[in-house]
Amino acid sequence: MKYVITIGREYGSGGRFIGKKVADTLGIPFYDNELITEACKDSGLSPAVFETFDEKTDGFFSGAGMYSYDISLSQKVFLAQFDAIKKIADKESCVIVGRCADYVLRDVPNVCNIFICAPMEEKIKRAVEFYGLNPEKAASQIIKKDKKRKGYYNFYTDLDWGKASNYDLCINSKLGIDNCVNVIVNFVKERFNLE
């Protein structure tokens, strides 16, 4: 049976690490930045455009587009990623991190939507260790990054980012990366009747 796990996450919560380990444990592909490569293939947009506008909004229409109805580059990137997510989900079981994948696949059967959060002190520790954030500025940078993620998600969907009722499972990574992986894998196996 084909199934997809989507993972929304707070910055510094370890969501990407958890998603990768879940995919490895289940023996299925993992997509995060790899979605950019997939989206570039059919869109005609360069990888540099995707890197610049990935998970960002600049309004629905570009400045000139207000009169000519051209969509903005961020909207084109979102639509290309939207198409790539749909194609990947049609093709294979996988784990997809971020990029509103839960919303994109809202009408697809066998999708499990997960959100990962963490206390600020845990996020600071992880962001300093793994992303090289300055310890004195880490909290404000994390807040800004989460605000951008929330803005992006809320802009492109009719849902609230991080709201528990929008997900099948919400988990606090204070539990530890490996414990989170075990909880998610067991939940998914039970949900989809996997051996």
N, C-alpha and C. Protein backbone atom coordinates (compact mmCIF):
# COMPACT_ATOMS: atom_id res chain seq x y z
N MET A 1 0.84 -1.19 0.00
CA MET A 1 0.00 0.00 0.00
C MET A 1 0.88 1.25 0.00
N LYS A 2 0.46 2.23 -0.79
CA LYS A 2 1.18 3.49 -0.87
C LYS A 2 0.64 4.45 0.19
N TYR A 3 1.56 5.16 0.88
CA TYR A 3 1.16 6.13 1.89
C TYR A 3 2.18 7.26 1.93
N VAL A 4 1.75 8.39 2.46
CA VAL A 4 2.63 9.57 2.56
C VAL A 4 2.55 10.12 3.98
N ILE A 5 3.71 10.47 4.52
CA ILE A 5 3.80 11.14 5.82
C ILE A 5 4.26 12.56 5.56
N THR A 6 3.47 13.54 5.98
CA THR A 6 3.90 14.93 5.87
C THR A 6 4.31 15.41 7.26
N ILE A 7 5.35 16.23 7.29
CA ILE A 7 5.84 16.74 8.58
C ILE A 7 5.96 18.26 8.52
N GLY A 8 5.15 18.93 9.34
CA GLY A 8 5.30 20.35 9.60
C GLY A 8 6.14 20.47 10.85
N ARG A 9 6.90 21.54 10.98
CA ARG A 9 7.79 21.62 12.14
C ARG A 9 8.16 23.05 12.48
N GLU A 10 8.38 23.26 13.77
CA GLU A 10 8.95 24.52 14.22
C GLU A 10 10.44 24.50 13.94
N TYR A 11 11.00 25.67 13.69
CA TYR A 11 12.44 25.78 13.44
C TYR A 11 13.21 25.36 14.69
N GLY A 12 14.16 24.45 14.51
CA GLY A 12 14.97 23.99 15.63
C GLY A 12 14.36 22.84 16.41
N SER A 13 13.18 22.37 15.97
CA SER A 13 12.52 21.27 16.69
C SER A 13 13.10 19.90 16.31
N GLY A 14 13.93 19.86 15.27
CA GLY A 14 14.48 18.59 14.82
C GLY A 14 13.58 17.87 13.82
N GLY A 15 12.58 18.55 13.30
CA GLY A 15 11.63 17.93 12.38
C GLY A 15 12.25 17.29 11.17
N ARG A 16 13.27 17.94 10.61
CA ARG A 16 13.93 17.37 9.43
C ARG A 16 14.68 16.08 9.80
N PHE A 17 15.40 16.11 10.92
CA PHE A 17 16.13 14.92 11.37
C PHE A 17 15.16 13.77 11.65
N ILE A 18 14.07 14.10 12.32
CA ILE A 18 13.06 13.09 12.65
C ILE A 18 12.46 12.52 11.37
N GLY A 19 12.09 13.39 10.43
CA GLY A 19 11.52 12.94 9.17
C GLY A 19 12.45 12.01 8.40
N LYS A 20 13.73 12.35 8.38
CA LYS A 20 14.71 11.53 7.67
C LYS A 20 14.84 10.16 8.32
N LYS A 21 14.88 10.14 9.65
CA LYS A 21 15.00 8.86 10.35
C LYS A 21 13.73 8.01 10.21
N VAL A 22 12.58 8.66 10.18
CA VAL A 22 11.32 7.93 9.96
C VAL A 22 11.35 7.28 8.58
N ALA A 23 11.76 8.05 7.57
CA ALA A 23 11.84 7.52 6.20
C ALA A 23 12.82 6.35 6.13
N ASP A 24 13.99 6.50 6.76
CA ASP A 24 14.99 5.43 6.76
C ASP A 24 14.46 4.17 7.46
N THR A 25 13.79 4.37 8.59
CA THR A 25 13.25 3.24 9.34
C THR A 25 12.19 2.49 8.54
N LEU A 26 11.35 3.24 7.83
CA LEU A 26 10.27 2.62 7.04
C LEU A 26 10.74 2.18 5.65
N GLY A 27 11.97 2.58 5.28
CA GLY A 27 12.51 2.21 3.96
C GLY A 27 11.81 2.90 2.81
N ILE A 28 11.44 4.18 3.03
CA ILE A 28 10.78 4.96 1.97
C ILE A 28 11.57 6.25 1.71
N PRO A 29 11.39 6.86 0.53
CA PRO A 29 12.13 8.09 0.21
C PRO A 29 11.75 9.26 1.12
N PHE A 30 12.70 10.19 1.23
CA PHE A 30 12.55 11.39 2.05
C PHE A 30 12.70 12.61 1.16
N TYR A 31 11.79 13.57 1.30
CA TYR A 31 11.85 14.80 0.50
C TYR A 31 11.78 16.03 1.40
N ASP A 32 12.76 16.88 1.26
CA ASP A 32 12.76 18.21 1.88
C ASP A 32 13.31 19.13 0.80
N ASN A 33 14.61 19.43 0.85
CA ASN A 33 15.19 20.24 -0.22
C ASN A 33 15.16 19.51 -1.56
N GLU A 34 15.02 18.18 -1.51
CA GLU A 34 14.93 17.38 -2.73
C GLU A 34 13.70 17.77 -3.56
N LEU A 35 12.70 18.35 -2.90
CA LEU A 35 11.51 18.82 -3.63
C LEU A 35 11.87 19.92 -4.61
N ILE A 36 12.87 20.72 -4.26
CA ILE A 36 13.30 21.80 -5.15
C ILE A 36 13.80 21.21 -6.45
N THR A 37 14.61 20.16 -6.37
CA THR A 37 15.13 19.49 -7.57
C THR A 37 13.98 18.95 -8.41
N GLU A 38 13.03 18.28 -7.75
CA GLU A 38 11.88 17.72 -8.46
C GLU A 38 11.05 18.81 -9.13
N ALA A 39 10.82 19.91 -8.41
CA ALA A 39 10.00 20.99 -8.92
C ALA A 39 10.68 21.71 -10.09
N CYS A 40 12.01 21.79 -10.06
CA CYS A 40 12.76 22.44 -11.14
C CYS A 40 12.61 21.70 -12.47
N LYS A 41 12.48 20.38 -12.39
CA LYS A 41 12.47 19.56 -13.60
C LYS A 41 11.41 19.99 -14.61
N ASP A 42 10.20 20.23 -14.13
CA ASP A 42 9.09 20.52 -15.06
C ASP A 42 8.70 21.99 -15.13
N SER A 43 9.21 22.79 -14.21
CA SER A 43 8.70 24.16 -14.11
C SER A 43 9.36 25.15 -15.06
N GLY A 44 10.58 24.86 -15.49
CA GLY A 44 11.30 25.83 -16.31
C GLY A 44 11.97 26.92 -15.48
N LEU A 45 11.80 26.87 -14.16
CA LEU A 45 12.44 27.85 -13.29
C LEU A 45 13.79 27.30 -12.84
N SER A 46 14.73 28.19 -12.63
CA SER A 46 16.08 27.77 -12.26
C SER A 46 16.15 27.39 -10.78
N PRO A 47 17.11 26.54 -10.40
CA PRO A 47 17.29 26.22 -8.98
C PRO A 47 17.52 27.46 -8.12
N ALA A 48 18.18 28.48 -8.68
CA ALA A 48 18.44 29.71 -7.92
C ALA A 48 17.14 30.41 -7.54
N VAL A 49 16.15 30.40 -8.44
CA VAL A 49 14.84 31.00 -8.15
C VAL A 49 14.17 30.23 -7.01
N PHE A 50 14.24 28.91 -7.07
CA PHE A 50 13.65 28.10 -6.00
C PHE A 50 14.32 28.37 -4.67
N GLU A 51 15.65 28.46 -4.67
CA GLU A 51 16.37 28.72 -3.41
C GLU A 51 15.95 30.06 -2.83
N THR A 52 15.76 31.06 -3.69
CA THR A 52 15.42 32.40 -3.24
C THR A 52 14.00 32.48 -2.70
N PHE A 53 13.06 31.80 -3.36
CA PHE A 53 11.64 31.95 -3.01
C PHE A 53 11.04 30.76 -2.28
N ASP A 54 11.86 29.78 -1.90
CA ASP A 54 11.36 28.60 -1.22
C ASP A 54 10.73 28.97 0.12
N GLU A 55 9.50 28.56 0.35
CA GLU A 55 8.74 28.82 1.56
C GLU A 55 8.71 30.31 1.92
N LYS A 56 8.52 31.14 0.89
CA LYS A 56 8.40 32.58 1.10
C LYS A 56 7.19 33.11 0.35
N THR A 57 6.64 34.21 0.83
CA THR A 57 5.55 34.88 0.14
C THR A 57 5.98 36.30 -0.18
N ASP A 58 5.48 36.81 -1.29
CA ASP A 58 5.66 38.24 -1.57
C ASP A 58 4.35 38.80 -2.07
N GLY A 59 3.26 38.20 -1.63
CA GLY A 59 1.95 38.59 -2.09
C GLY A 59 1.57 37.74 -3.29
N PHE A 60 0.28 37.67 -3.57
CA PHE A 60 -0.18 36.80 -4.66
C PHE A 60 0.24 37.33 -6.02
N PHE A 61 0.17 38.64 -6.20
CA PHE A 61 0.54 39.21 -7.49
C PHE A 61 1.82 40.02 -7.36
N SER A 62 2.62 40.01 -8.42
CA SER A 62 3.80 40.88 -8.44
C SER A 62 3.34 42.31 -8.67
N GLY A 63 4.24 43.27 -8.48
CA GLY A 63 3.86 44.68 -8.65
C GLY A 63 3.22 44.94 -9.99
N ALA A 64 3.86 44.48 -11.08
CA ALA A 64 3.29 44.67 -12.40
C ALA A 64 2.04 43.83 -12.56
N GLY A 65 2.04 42.71 -11.85
CA GLY A 65 0.94 41.77 -11.98
C GLY A 65 -0.38 42.30 -11.47
N MET A 66 -0.36 43.35 -10.67
CA MET A 66 -1.61 43.90 -10.16
C MET A 66 -2.50 44.31 -11.32
N TYR A 67 -1.87 44.65 -12.44
CA TYR A 67 -2.64 45.11 -13.60
C TYR A 67 -2.66 44.08 -14.73
N SER A 68 -1.61 43.26 -14.79
CA SER A 68 -1.53 42.29 -15.89
C SER A 68 -1.89 40.88 -15.43
N TYR A 69 -2.16 40.70 -14.13
CA TYR A 69 -2.54 39.41 -13.55
C TYR A 69 -1.47 38.35 -13.69
N ASP A 70 -0.18 38.76 -13.69
CA ASP A 70 0.92 37.81 -13.65
C ASP A 70 1.12 37.42 -12.19
N ILE A 71 1.31 36.13 -11.97
CA ILE A 71 1.57 35.73 -10.60
C ILE A 71 3.03 35.99 -10.27
N SER A 72 3.30 36.15 -8.98
CA SER A 72 4.66 36.46 -8.53
C SER A 72 5.55 35.23 -8.63
N LEU A 73 6.85 35.45 -8.50
CA LEU A 73 7.80 34.33 -8.53
C LEU A 73 7.56 33.38 -7.36
N SER A 74 7.25 33.93 -6.18
CA SER A 74 7.00 33.04 -5.04
C SER A 74 5.77 32.17 -5.30
N GLN A 75 4.77 32.72 -5.97
CA GLN A 75 3.58 31.94 -6.31
C GLN A 75 3.92 30.86 -7.34
N LYS A 76 4.77 31.19 -8.31
CA LYS A 76 5.19 30.19 -9.31
C LYS A 76 5.97 29.06 -8.65
N VAL A 77 6.84 29.41 -7.69
CA VAL A 77 7.61 28.40 -6.97
C VAL A 77 6.66 27.52 -6.16
N PHE A 78 5.69 28.13 -5.48
CA PHE A 78 4.72 27.34 -4.71
C PHE A 78 3.97 26.38 -5.63
N LEU A 79 3.48 26.86 -6.77
CA LEU A 79 2.71 26.01 -7.68
C LEU A 79 3.56 24.89 -8.25
N ALA A 80 4.83 25.16 -8.54
CA ALA A 80 5.73 24.12 -9.05
C ALA A 80 5.97 23.06 -7.96
N GLN A 81 6.15 23.51 -6.72
CA GLN A 81 6.32 22.55 -5.62
C GLN A 81 5.03 21.78 -5.36
N PHE A 82 3.90 22.46 -5.48
CA PHE A 82 2.58 21.83 -5.35
C PHE A 82 2.48 20.66 -6.34
N ASP A 83 2.82 20.93 -7.60
CA ASP A 83 2.77 19.88 -8.64
C ASP A 83 3.75 18.75 -8.33
N ALA A 84 4.96 19.11 -7.88
CA ALA A 84 5.97 18.09 -7.57
C ALA A 84 5.51 17.20 -6.41
N ILE A 85 4.90 17.80 -5.39
CA ILE A 85 4.39 17.04 -4.25
C ILE A 85 3.31 16.06 -4.70
N LYS A 86 2.39 16.53 -5.54
CA LYS A 86 1.32 15.66 -6.05
C LYS A 86 1.89 14.49 -6.85
N LYS A 87 2.86 14.78 -7.72
CA LYS A 87 3.46 13.72 -8.55
C LYS A 87 4.19 12.69 -7.69
N ILE A 88 4.94 13.17 -6.71
CA ILE A 88 5.67 12.26 -5.82
C ILE A 88 4.68 11.37 -5.06
N ALA A 89 3.61 11.97 -4.52
CA ALA A 89 2.62 11.21 -3.75
C ALA A 89 1.89 10.20 -4.62
N ASP A 90 1.70 10.52 -5.89
CA ASP A 90 1.06 9.58 -6.83
C ASP A 90 1.97 8.40 -7.14
N LYS A 91 3.28 8.65 -7.08
CA LYS A 91 4.27 7.67 -7.53
C LYS A 91 4.70 6.69 -6.44
N GLU A 92 4.86 7.18 -5.19
CA GLU A 92 5.51 6.32 -4.19
C GLU A 92 5.16 6.73 -2.76
N SER A 93 5.35 5.80 -1.85
CA SER A 93 5.29 6.12 -0.42
C SER A 93 6.50 6.98 -0.08
N CYS A 94 6.33 7.94 0.83
CA CYS A 94 7.45 8.82 1.16
C CYS A 94 7.14 9.66 2.39
N VAL A 95 8.17 10.37 2.85
CA VAL A 95 8.04 11.39 3.89
C VAL A 95 8.35 12.73 3.22
N ILE A 96 7.47 13.72 3.41
CA ILE A 96 7.68 15.05 2.85
C ILE A 96 7.67 16.06 4.00
N VAL A 97 8.73 16.86 4.08
CA VAL A 97 8.85 17.86 5.14
C VAL A 97 8.49 19.25 4.59
N GLY A 98 7.60 19.94 5.29
CA GLY A 98 7.27 21.33 5.00
C GLY A 98 6.52 21.55 3.70
N ARG A 99 6.57 22.79 3.22
CA ARG A 99 6.01 23.21 1.95
C ARG A 99 4.52 22.95 1.79
N CYS A 100 3.80 23.04 2.89
CA CYS A 100 2.34 22.88 2.89
C CYS A 100 1.89 21.54 2.34
N ALA A 101 2.74 20.51 2.44
CA ALA A 101 2.42 19.21 1.85
C ALA A 101 1.13 18.63 2.41
N ASP A 102 0.87 18.86 3.70
CA ASP A 102 -0.38 18.35 4.28
C ASP A 102 -1.59 18.95 3.58
N TYR A 103 -1.51 20.23 3.24
CA TYR A 103 -2.61 20.91 2.55
C TYR A 103 -2.69 20.47 1.09
N VAL A 104 -1.54 20.38 0.44
CA VAL A 104 -1.50 19.97 -0.97
C VAL A 104 -2.15 18.59 -1.13
N LEU A 105 -1.92 17.71 -0.16
CA LEU A 105 -2.40 16.32 -0.26
C LEU A 105 -3.67 16.08 0.55
N ARG A 106 -4.39 17.14 0.87
CA ARG A 106 -5.56 17.03 1.75
C ARG A 106 -6.64 16.09 1.23
N ASP A 107 -6.73 15.91 -0.09
CA ASP A 107 -7.76 15.03 -0.67
C ASP A 107 -7.21 13.68 -1.10
N VAL A 108 -5.95 13.42 -0.77
CA VAL A 108 -5.31 12.17 -1.17
C VAL A 108 -5.49 11.15 -0.03
N PRO A 109 -5.92 9.91 -0.36
CA PRO A 109 -6.04 8.91 0.71
C PRO A 109 -4.67 8.48 1.24
N ASN A 110 -4.66 7.93 2.43
CA ASN A 110 -3.45 7.37 3.04
C ASN A 110 -2.34 8.40 3.25
N VAL A 111 -2.72 9.55 3.77
CA VAL A 111 -1.75 10.58 4.15
C VAL A 111 -1.84 10.78 5.65
N CYS A 112 -0.70 10.82 6.30
CA CYS A 112 -0.62 11.04 7.74
C CYS A 112 0.12 12.36 7.97
N ASN A 113 -0.56 13.33 8.59
CA ASN A 113 0.01 14.66 8.80
C ASN A 113 0.49 14.81 10.24
N ILE A 114 1.76 15.17 10.37
CA ILE A 114 2.41 15.27 11.68
C ILE A 114 2.99 16.66 11.87
N PHE A 115 2.91 17.17 13.09
CA PHE A 115 3.55 18.44 13.41
C PHE A 115 4.48 18.24 14.59
N ILE A 116 5.68 18.80 14.48
CA ILE A 116 6.70 18.65 15.52
C ILE A 116 7.05 20.02 16.11
N CYS A 117 6.95 20.09 17.42
CA CYS A 117 7.27 21.33 18.14
C CYS A 117 8.33 21.01 19.20
N ALA A 118 8.78 22.04 19.89
CA ALA A 118 9.74 21.86 20.98
C ALA A 118 9.75 23.12 21.83
N PRO A 119 10.13 23.00 23.10
CA PRO A 119 10.29 24.20 23.94
C PRO A 119 11.42 25.07 23.37
N MET A 120 11.33 26.36 23.61
CA MET A 120 12.33 27.29 23.07
C MET A 120 13.75 26.91 23.47
N GLU A 121 13.97 26.49 24.71
CA GLU A 121 15.35 26.17 25.13
C GLU A 121 15.90 24.99 24.33
N GLU A 122 15.06 24.03 23.99
CA GLU A 122 15.48 22.90 23.16
C GLU A 122 15.80 23.36 21.73
N LYS A 123 14.95 24.24 21.21
CA LYS A 123 15.16 24.74 19.84
C LYS A 123 16.44 25.57 19.76
N ILE A 124 16.70 26.37 20.78
CA ILE A 124 17.93 27.17 20.81
C ILE A 124 19.15 26.25 20.81
N LYS A 125 19.12 25.26 21.68
CA LYS A 125 20.24 24.31 21.77
C LYS A 125 20.52 23.65 20.41
N ARG A 126 19.46 23.19 19.77
CA ARG A 126 19.61 22.51 18.48
C ARG A 126 20.05 23.48 17.38
N ALA A 127 19.47 24.67 17.36
CA ALA A 127 19.81 25.65 16.33
C ALA A 127 21.26 26.12 16.44
N VAL A 128 21.74 26.27 17.65
CA VAL A 128 23.14 26.67 17.87
C VAL A 128 24.07 25.54 17.43
N GLU A 129 23.74 24.30 17.84
CA GLU A 129 24.60 23.15 17.54
C GLU A 129 24.60 22.78 16.06
N PHE A 130 23.42 22.72 15.44
CA PHE A 130 23.33 22.20 14.08
C PHE A 130 23.30 23.27 12.99
N TYR A 131 22.80 24.47 13.32
CA TYR A 131 22.68 25.51 12.29
C TYR A 131 23.62 26.68 12.51
N GLY A 132 24.41 26.62 13.58
CA GLY A 132 25.41 27.64 13.81
C GLY A 132 24.86 29.00 14.22
N LEU A 133 23.65 29.04 14.78
CA LEU A 133 23.09 30.32 15.22
C LEU A 133 23.86 30.83 16.43
N ASN A 134 24.00 32.14 16.51
CA ASN A 134 24.62 32.80 17.65
C ASN A 134 23.72 32.58 18.87
N PRO A 135 24.27 32.03 19.97
CA PRO A 135 23.44 31.74 21.15
C PRO A 135 22.67 32.94 21.69
N GLU A 136 23.26 34.14 21.60
CA GLU A 136 22.59 35.34 22.12
C GLU A 136 21.42 35.78 21.24
N LYS A 137 21.51 35.46 19.95
CA LYS A 137 20.46 35.91 19.02
C LYS A 137 19.54 34.78 18.57
N ALA A 138 19.82 33.57 19.03
CA ALA A 138 19.10 32.39 18.54
C ALA A 138 17.58 32.49 18.76
N ALA A 139 17.16 32.90 19.95
CA ALA A 139 15.72 32.95 20.25
C ALA A 139 14.98 33.86 19.28
N SER A 140 15.53 35.07 19.05
CA SER A 140 14.84 36.00 18.14
C SER A 140 14.86 35.50 16.70
N GLN A 141 15.94 34.82 16.30
CA GLN A 141 16.01 34.27 14.94
C GLN A 141 15.02 33.12 14.77
N ILE A 142 14.87 32.30 15.79
CA ILE A 142 13.90 31.19 15.74
C ILE A 142 12.48 31.74 15.64
N ILE A 143 12.18 32.75 16.44
CA ILE A 143 10.85 33.37 16.39
C ILE A 143 10.57 33.92 15.00
N LYS A 144 11.55 34.59 14.39
CA LYS A 144 11.38 35.13 13.04
C LYS A 144 11.16 34.03 12.02
N LYS A 145 11.95 32.97 12.10
CA LYS A 145 11.82 31.87 11.15
C LYS A 145 10.46 31.19 11.28
N ASP A 146 10.01 30.97 12.51
CA ASP A 146 8.69 30.37 12.70
C ASP A 146 7.57 31.30 12.23
N LYS A 147 7.78 32.59 12.41
CA LYS A 147 6.78 33.56 11.94
C LYS A 147 6.68 33.50 10.41
N LYS A 148 7.83 33.35 9.73
CA LYS A 148 7.83 33.22 8.27
C LYS A 148 7.14 31.94 7.84
N ARG A 149 7.44 30.83 8.53
CA ARG A 149 6.81 29.55 8.20
C ARG A 149 5.30 29.64 8.38
N LYS A 150 4.89 30.24 9.49
CA LYS A 150 3.46 30.40 9.75
C LYS A 150 2.81 31.28 8.69
N GLY A 151 3.47 32.38 8.35
CA GLY A 151 2.94 33.29 7.33
C GLY A 151 2.80 32.60 5.98
N TYR A 152 3.82 31.83 5.60
CA TYR A 152 3.79 31.08 4.34
C TYR A 152 2.64 30.08 4.34
N TYR A 153 2.55 29.29 5.39
CA TYR A 153 1.52 28.26 5.49
C TYR A 153 0.12 28.88 5.48
N ASN A 154 -0.08 29.89 6.31
CA ASN A 154 -1.39 30.52 6.41
C ASN A 154 -1.76 31.26 5.13
N PHE A 155 -0.76 31.76 4.39
CA PHE A 155 -1.01 32.46 3.12
C PHE A 155 -1.53 31.51 2.06
N TYR A 156 -0.92 30.32 1.96
CA TYR A 156 -1.25 29.39 0.89
C TYR A 156 -2.31 28.36 1.24
N THR A 157 -2.73 28.31 2.50
CA THR A 157 -3.74 27.33 2.90
C THR A 157 -4.88 28.05 3.62
N ASP A 158 -5.93 27.32 3.93
CA ASP A 158 -7.00 27.90 4.75
C ASP A 158 -6.95 27.31 6.17
N LEU A 159 -5.76 26.89 6.57
CA LEU A 159 -5.55 26.29 7.88
C LEU A 159 -4.59 27.13 8.71
N ASP A 160 -4.50 26.81 10.00
CA ASP A 160 -3.57 27.49 10.90
C ASP A 160 -2.37 26.60 11.16
N TRP A 161 -1.17 27.10 10.82
CA TRP A 161 0.08 26.37 11.02
C TRP A 161 0.25 26.04 12.50
N GLY A 162 0.55 24.78 12.78
CA GLY A 162 0.83 24.36 14.14
C GLY A 162 -0.39 24.09 15.01
N LYS A 163 -1.59 24.32 14.50
CA LYS A 163 -2.80 24.07 15.29
C LYS A 163 -3.06 22.57 15.34
N ALA A 164 -3.10 22.01 16.53
CA ALA A 164 -3.15 20.56 16.72
C ALA A 164 -4.28 19.89 15.95
N SER A 165 -5.43 20.51 15.87
CA SER A 165 -6.58 19.87 15.22
C SER A 165 -6.40 19.71 13.71
N ASN A 166 -5.38 20.34 13.14
CA ASN A 166 -5.12 20.22 11.69
C ASN A 166 -4.21 19.04 11.36
N TYR A 167 -3.75 18.30 12.37
CA TYR A 167 -2.78 17.23 12.16
C TYR A 167 -3.30 15.93 12.78
N ASP A 168 -2.76 14.82 12.30
CA ASP A 168 -3.11 13.52 12.87
C ASP A 168 -2.33 13.24 14.15
N LEU A 169 -1.14 13.81 14.23
CA LEU A 169 -0.27 13.60 15.39
C LEU A 169 0.61 14.83 15.59
N CYS A 170 0.62 15.34 16.80
CA CYS A 170 1.54 16.43 17.17
C CYS A 170 2.47 15.86 18.24
N ILE A 171 3.74 16.15 18.10
CA ILE A 171 4.71 15.57 19.03
C ILE A 171 5.75 16.61 19.42
N ASN A 172 6.11 16.62 20.70
CA ASN A 172 7.11 17.53 21.22
C ASN A 172 8.45 16.80 21.21
N SER A 173 9.41 17.34 20.47
CA SER A 173 10.69 16.65 20.31
C SER A 173 11.56 16.69 21.57
N LYS A 174 11.05 17.32 22.63
CA LYS A 174 11.72 17.22 23.93
C LYS A 174 11.81 15.75 24.35
N LEU A 175 10.95 14.94 23.79
CA LEU A 175 10.94 13.50 24.01
C LEU A 175 12.25 12.85 23.55
N GLY A 176 12.96 13.52 22.64
CA GLY A 176 14.19 12.98 22.06
C GLY A 176 13.94 12.52 20.63
N ILE A 177 14.91 12.73 19.77
CA ILE A 177 14.76 12.41 18.34
C ILE A 177 14.37 10.95 18.13
N ASP A 178 15.12 10.03 18.71
CA ASP A 178 14.85 8.60 18.49
C ASP A 178 13.50 8.18 19.05
N ASN A 179 13.12 8.72 20.20
CA ASN A 179 11.81 8.40 20.76
C ASN A 179 10.69 8.95 19.87
N CYS A 180 10.88 10.14 19.32
CA CYS A 180 9.89 10.70 18.40
C CYS A 180 9.75 9.82 17.16
N VAL A 181 10.89 9.37 16.65
CA VAL A 181 10.88 8.48 15.47
C VAL A 181 10.08 7.22 15.80
N ASN A 182 10.34 6.62 16.94
CA ASN A 182 9.62 5.40 17.33
C ASN A 182 8.12 5.63 17.45
N VAL A 183 7.72 6.74 18.07
CA VAL A 183 6.30 7.06 18.22
C VAL A 183 5.65 7.21 16.84
N ILE A 184 6.30 7.96 15.95
CA ILE A 184 5.74 8.20 14.62
C ILE A 184 5.67 6.91 13.82
N VAL A 185 6.74 6.13 13.82
CA VAL A 185 6.75 4.87 13.06
C VAL A 185 5.65 3.95 13.55
N ASN A 186 5.51 3.81 14.87
CA ASN A 186 4.46 2.95 15.42
C ASN A 186 3.07 3.47 15.08
N PHE A 187 2.89 4.78 15.14
CA PHE A 187 1.61 5.40 14.80
C PHE A 187 1.25 5.14 13.33
N VAL A 188 2.22 5.33 12.46
CA VAL A 188 2.01 5.13 11.01
C VAL A 188 1.73 3.66 10.71
N LYS A 189 2.48 2.76 11.32
CA LYS A 189 2.26 1.33 11.10
C LYS A 189 0.86 0.91 11.52
N GLU A 190 0.44 1.42 12.67
CA GLU A 190 -0.91 1.12 13.16
C GLU A 190 -1.97 1.72 12.23
N ARG A 191 -1.75 2.95 11.86
CA ARG A 191 -2.73 3.69 11.03
C ARG A 191 -2.93 3.04 9.68
N PHE A 192 -1.82 2.60 9.04
CA PHE A 192 -1.91 2.05 7.69
C PHE A 192 -1.80 0.52 7.65
N ASN A 193 -1.87 -0.11 8.83
CA ASN A 193 -1.81 -1.57 8.89
C ASN A 193 -0.55 -2.12 8.22
N LEU A 194 0.58 -1.54 8.54
CA LEU A 194 1.84 -1.97 7.93
C LEU A 194 2.45 -3.08 8.79
N GLU A 195 3.15 -3.97 8.16
CA GLU A 195 3.82 -5.07 8.89
C GLU A 195 5.09 -4.56 9.55
